[in-house]
Amino acid sequence: MIIYMLAAAMTIAMLIATAFGIHQETQRLRYREQKARTDGFGRR
């Protein structure tokens, strides 16, 4: 029984970590895209 509880806890922890990682990656890509938009035609 305790093994099943540990497995469930690890599964939930991995899902949370995956969601957090995807969120961080999305934020990084949004920042990069916004920066590229504001740069215009390149560096001046």
PDB file of N, CA and C in Angstrom:
ATOM      1  N   MET A   1       0.820  -1.199   0.000  1.00  0.00           N
ATOM      2  CA  MET A   1       0.000   0.000   0.000  1.00  0.00           C
ATOM      3  C   MET A   1       0.867   1.268   0.000  1.00  0.00           C
ATOM      4  N   ILE A   2       1.927   1.238   0.790  1.00  0.00           N
ATOM      5  CA  ILE A   2       2.779   2.423   0.874  1.00  0.00           C
ATOM      6  C   ILE A   2       3.522   2.659  -0.439  1.00  0.00           C
ATOM      7  N   ILE A   3       3.828   1.589  -1.157  1.00  0.00           N
ATOM      8  CA  ILE A   3       4.503   1.736  -2.447  1.00  0.00           C
ATOM      9  C   ILE A   3       3.590   2.448  -3.440  1.00  0.00           C
ATOM     10  N   TYR A   4       2.303   2.121  -3.411  1.00  0.00           N
ATOM     11  CA  TYR A   4       1.356   2.782  -4.306  1.00  0.00           C
ATOM     12  C   TYR A   4       1.229   4.263  -3.971  1.00  0.00           C
ATOM     13  N   MET A   5       1.255   4.590  -2.694  1.00  0.00           N
ATOM     14  CA  MET A   5       1.167   5.995  -2.288  1.00  0.00           C
ATOM     15  C   MET A   5       2.426   6.754  -2.727  1.00  0.00           C
ATOM     16  N   LEU A   6       3.587   6.144  -2.588  1.00  0.00           N
ATOM     17  CA  LEU A   6       4.822   6.780  -3.040  1.00  0.00           C
ATOM     18  C   LEU A   6       4.825   6.954  -4.557  1.00  0.00           C
ATOM     19  N   ALA A   7       4.349   5.951  -5.268  1.00  0.00           N
ATOM     20  CA  ALA A   7       4.285   6.048  -6.729  1.00  0.00           C
ATOM     21  C   ALA A   7       3.328   7.163  -7.149  1.00  0.00           C
ATOM     22  N   ALA A   8       2.200   7.272  -6.473  1.00  0.00           N
ATOM     23  CA  ALA A   8       1.244   8.338  -6.790  1.00  0.00           C
ATOM     24  C   ALA A   8       1.846   9.704  -6.490  1.00  0.00           C
ATOM     25  N   ALA A   9       2.541   9.826  -5.375  1.00  0.00           N
ATOM     26  CA  ALA A   9       3.162  11.102  -5.014  1.00  0.00           C
ATOM     27  C   ALA A   9       4.235  11.481  -6.031  1.00  0.00           C
ATOM     28  N   MET A  10       5.027  10.522  -6.468  1.00  0.00           N
ATOM     29  CA  MET A  10       6.062  10.812  -7.460  1.00  0.00           C
ATOM     30  C   MET A  10       5.442  11.195  -8.806  1.00  0.00           C
ATOM     31  N   THR A  11       4.354  10.545  -9.165  1.00  0.00           N
ATOM     32  CA  THR A  11       3.674  10.874 -10.422  1.00  0.00           C
ATOM     33  C   THR A  11       3.148  12.300 -10.381  1.00  0.00           C
ATOM     34  N   ILE A  12       2.524  12.669  -9.277  1.00  0.00           N
ATOM     35  CA  ILE A  12       1.991  14.032  -9.137  1.00  0.00           C
ATOM     36  C   ILE A  12       3.133  15.043  -9.151  1.00  0.00           C
ATOM     37  N   ALA A  13       4.236  14.723  -8.466  1.00  0.00           N
ATOM     38  CA  ALA A  13       5.386  15.632  -8.450  1.00  0.00           C
ATOM     39  C   ALA A  13       5.953  15.812  -9.853  1.00  0.00           C
ATOM     40  N   MET A  14       6.030  14.743 -10.621  1.00  0.00           N
ATOM     41  CA  MET A  14       6.555  14.846 -11.984  1.00  0.00           C
ATOM     42  C   MET A  14       5.615  15.656 -12.882  1.00  0.00           C
ATOM     43  N   LEU A  15       4.323  15.497 -12.713  1.00  0.00           N
ATOM     44  CA  LEU A  15       3.368  16.282 -13.497  1.00  0.00           C
ATOM     45  C   LEU A  15       3.482  17.766 -13.175  1.00  0.00           C
ATOM     46  N   ILE A  16       3.636  18.086 -11.898  1.00  0.00           N
ATOM     47  CA  ILE A  16       3.792  19.482 -11.500  1.00  0.00           C
ATOM     48  C   ILE A  16       5.092  20.045 -12.058  1.00  0.00           C
ATOM     49  N   ALA A  17       6.177  19.270 -11.971  1.00  0.00           N
ATOM     50  CA  ALA A  17       7.463  19.730 -12.494  1.00  0.00           C
ATOM     51  C   ALA A  17       7.395  19.937 -14.006  1.00  0.00           C
ATOM     52  N   THR A  18       6.704  19.056 -14.705  1.00  0.00           N
ATOM     53  CA  THR A  18       6.559  19.195 -16.156  1.00  0.00           C
ATOM     54  C   THR A  18       5.767  20.447 -16.504  1.00  0.00           C
ATOM     55  N   ALA A  19       4.666  20.676 -15.794  1.00  0.00           N
ATOM     56  CA  ALA A  19       3.860  21.866 -16.042  1.00  0.00           C
ATOM     57  C   ALA A  19       4.675  23.133 -15.758  1.00  0.00           C
ATOM     58  N   PHE A  20       5.450  23.133 -14.695  1.00  0.00           N
ATOM     59  CA  PHE A  20       6.292  24.281 -14.364  1.00  0.00           C
ATOM     60  C   PHE A  20       7.341  24.513 -15.447  1.00  0.00           C
ATOM     61  N   GLY A  21       7.955  23.454 -15.932  1.00  0.00           N
ATOM     62  CA  GLY A  21       8.955  23.581 -16.992  1.00  0.00           C
ATOM     63  C   GLY A  21       8.369  24.119 -18.281  1.00  0.00           C
ATOM     64  N   ILE A  22       7.189  23.635 -18.636  1.00  0.00           N
ATOM     65  CA  ILE A  22       6.529  24.129 -19.849  1.00  0.00           C
ATOM     66  C   ILE A  22       6.185  25.606 -19.690  1.00  0.00           C
ATOM     67  N   HIS A  23       5.731  25.989 -18.512  1.00  0.00           N
ATOM     68  CA  HIS A  23       5.403  27.393 -18.262  1.00  0.00           C
ATOM     69  C   HIS A  23       6.647  28.268 -18.388  1.00  0.00           C
ATOM     70  N   GLN A  24       7.767  27.832 -17.819  1.00  0.00           N
ATOM     71  CA  GLN A  24       9.006  28.602 -17.904  1.00  0.00           C
ATOM     72  C   GLN A  24       9.472  28.736 -19.356  1.00  0.00           C
ATOM     73  N   GLU A  25       9.376  27.664 -20.107  1.00  0.00           N
ATOM     74  CA  GLU A  25       9.798  27.694 -21.518  1.00  0.00           C
ATOM     75  C   GLU A  25       8.914  28.642 -22.323  1.00  0.00           C
ATOM     76  N   THR A  26       7.622  28.625 -22.057  1.00  0.00           N
ATOM     77  CA  THR A  26       6.696  29.519 -22.749  1.00  0.00           C
ATOM     78  C   THR A  26       7.012  30.972 -22.441  1.00  0.00           C
ATOM     79  N   GLN A  27       7.282  31.274 -21.168  1.00  0.00           N
ATOM     80  CA  GLN A  27       7.630  32.638 -20.794  1.00  0.00           C
ATOM     81  C   GLN A  27       8.910  33.087 -21.490  1.00  0.00           C
ATOM     82  N   ARG A  28       9.901  32.202 -21.572  1.00  0.00           N
ATOM     83  CA  ARG A  28      11.167  32.536 -22.212  1.00  0.00           C
ATOM     84  C   ARG A  28      10.958  32.819 -23.700  1.00  0.00           C
ATOM     85  N   LEU A  29      10.142  32.001 -24.353  1.00  0.00           N
ATOM     86  CA  LEU A  29       9.888  32.206 -25.779  1.00  0.00           C
ATOM     87  C   LEU A  29       9.090  33.480 -26.028  1.00  0.00           C
ATOM     88  N   ARG A  30       8.128  33.785 -25.150  1.00  0.00           N
ATOM     89  CA  ARG A  30       7.367  35.028 -25.292  1.00  0.00           C
ATOM     90  C   ARG A  30       8.281  36.237 -25.156  1.00  0.00           C
ATOM     91  N   TYR A  31       9.191  36.171 -24.181  1.00  0.00           N
ATOM     92  CA  TYR A  31      10.127  37.277 -23.986  1.00  0.00           C
ATOM     93  C   TYR A  31      11.006  37.458 -25.213  1.00  0.00           C
ATOM     94  N   ARG A  32      11.504  36.351 -25.749  1.00  0.00           N
ATOM     95  CA  ARG A  32      12.367  36.418 -26.943  1.00  0.00           C
ATOM     96  C   ARG A  32      11.599  36.991 -28.132  1.00  0.00           C
ATOM     97  N   GLU A  33      10.351  36.575 -28.308  1.00  0.00           N
ATOM     98  CA  GLU A  33       9.546  37.074 -29.424  1.00  0.00           C
ATOM     99  C   GLU A  33       9.248  38.556 -29.251  1.00  0.00           C
ATOM    100  N   GLN A  34       8.927  38.977 -28.043  1.00  0.00           N
ATOM    101  CA  GLN A  34       8.647  40.385 -27.797  1.00  0.00           C
ATOM    102  C   GLN A  34       9.898  41.226 -28.029  1.00  0.00           C
ATOM    103  N   LYS A  35      11.033  40.727 -27.606  1.00  0.00           N
ATOM    104  CA  LYS A  35      12.293  41.449 -27.811  1.00  0.00           C
ATOM    105  C   LYS A  35      12.604  41.556 -29.297  1.00  0.00           C
ATOM    106  N   ALA A  36      12.349  40.493 -30.059  1.00  0.00           N
ATOM    107  CA  ALA A  36      12.600  40.519 -31.498  1.00  0.00           C
ATOM    108  C   ALA A  36      11.679  41.524 -32.191  1.00  0.00           C
ATOM    109  N   ARG A  37      10.458  41.655 -31.702  1.00  0.00           N
ATOM    110  CA  ARG A  37       9.516  42.606 -32.295  1.00  0.00           C
ATOM    111  C   ARG A  37       9.964  44.041 -32.061  1.00  0.00           C
ATOM    112  N   THR A  38      10.464  44.312 -30.856  1.00  0.00           N
ATOM    113  CA  THR A  38      10.840  45.690 -30.528  1.00  0.00           C
ATOM    114  C   THR A  38      12.170  46.082 -31.139  1.00  0.00           C
ATOM    115  N   ASP A  39      12.985  45.109 -31.557  1.00  0.00           N
ATOM    116  CA  ASP A  39      14.275  45.434 -32.158  1.00  0.00           C
ATOM    117  C   ASP A  39      14.135  45.993 -33.573  1.00  0.00           C
ATOM    118  N   GLY A  40      13.029  45.753 -34.200  1.00  0.00           N
ATOM    119  CA  GLY A  40      12.824  46.288 -35.543  1.00  0.00           C
ATOM    120  C   GLY A  40      13.614  45.500 -36.575  1.00  0.00           C
ATOM    121  N   PHE A  41      14.441  46.211 -37.351  1.00  0.00           N
ATOM    122  CA  PHE A  41      15.183  45.569 -38.441  1.00  0.00           C
ATOM    123  C   PHE A  41      16.591  45.161 -38.038  1.00  0.00           C
ATOM    124  N   GLY A  42      16.831  45.092 -36.787  1.00  0.00           N
ATOM    125  CA  GLY A  42      18.157  44.686 -36.321  1.00  0.00           C
ATOM    126  C   GLY A  42      18.751  45.718 -35.382  1.00  0.00           C
ATOM    127  N   ARG A  43      19.988  45.518 -35.072  1.00  0.00           N
ATOM    128  CA  ARG A  43      20.658  46.437 -34.142  1.00  0.00           C
ATOM    129  C   ARG A  43      21.046  47.729 -34.844  1.00  0.00           C
ATOM    130  N   ARG A  44      21.070  48.783 -34.078  1.00  0.00           N
ATOM    131  CA  ARG A  44      21.420  50.079 -34.633  1.00  0.00           C
ATOM    132  C   ARG A  44      22.759  50.527 -34.130  1.00  0.00           C
TER     133      ARG A  44
END
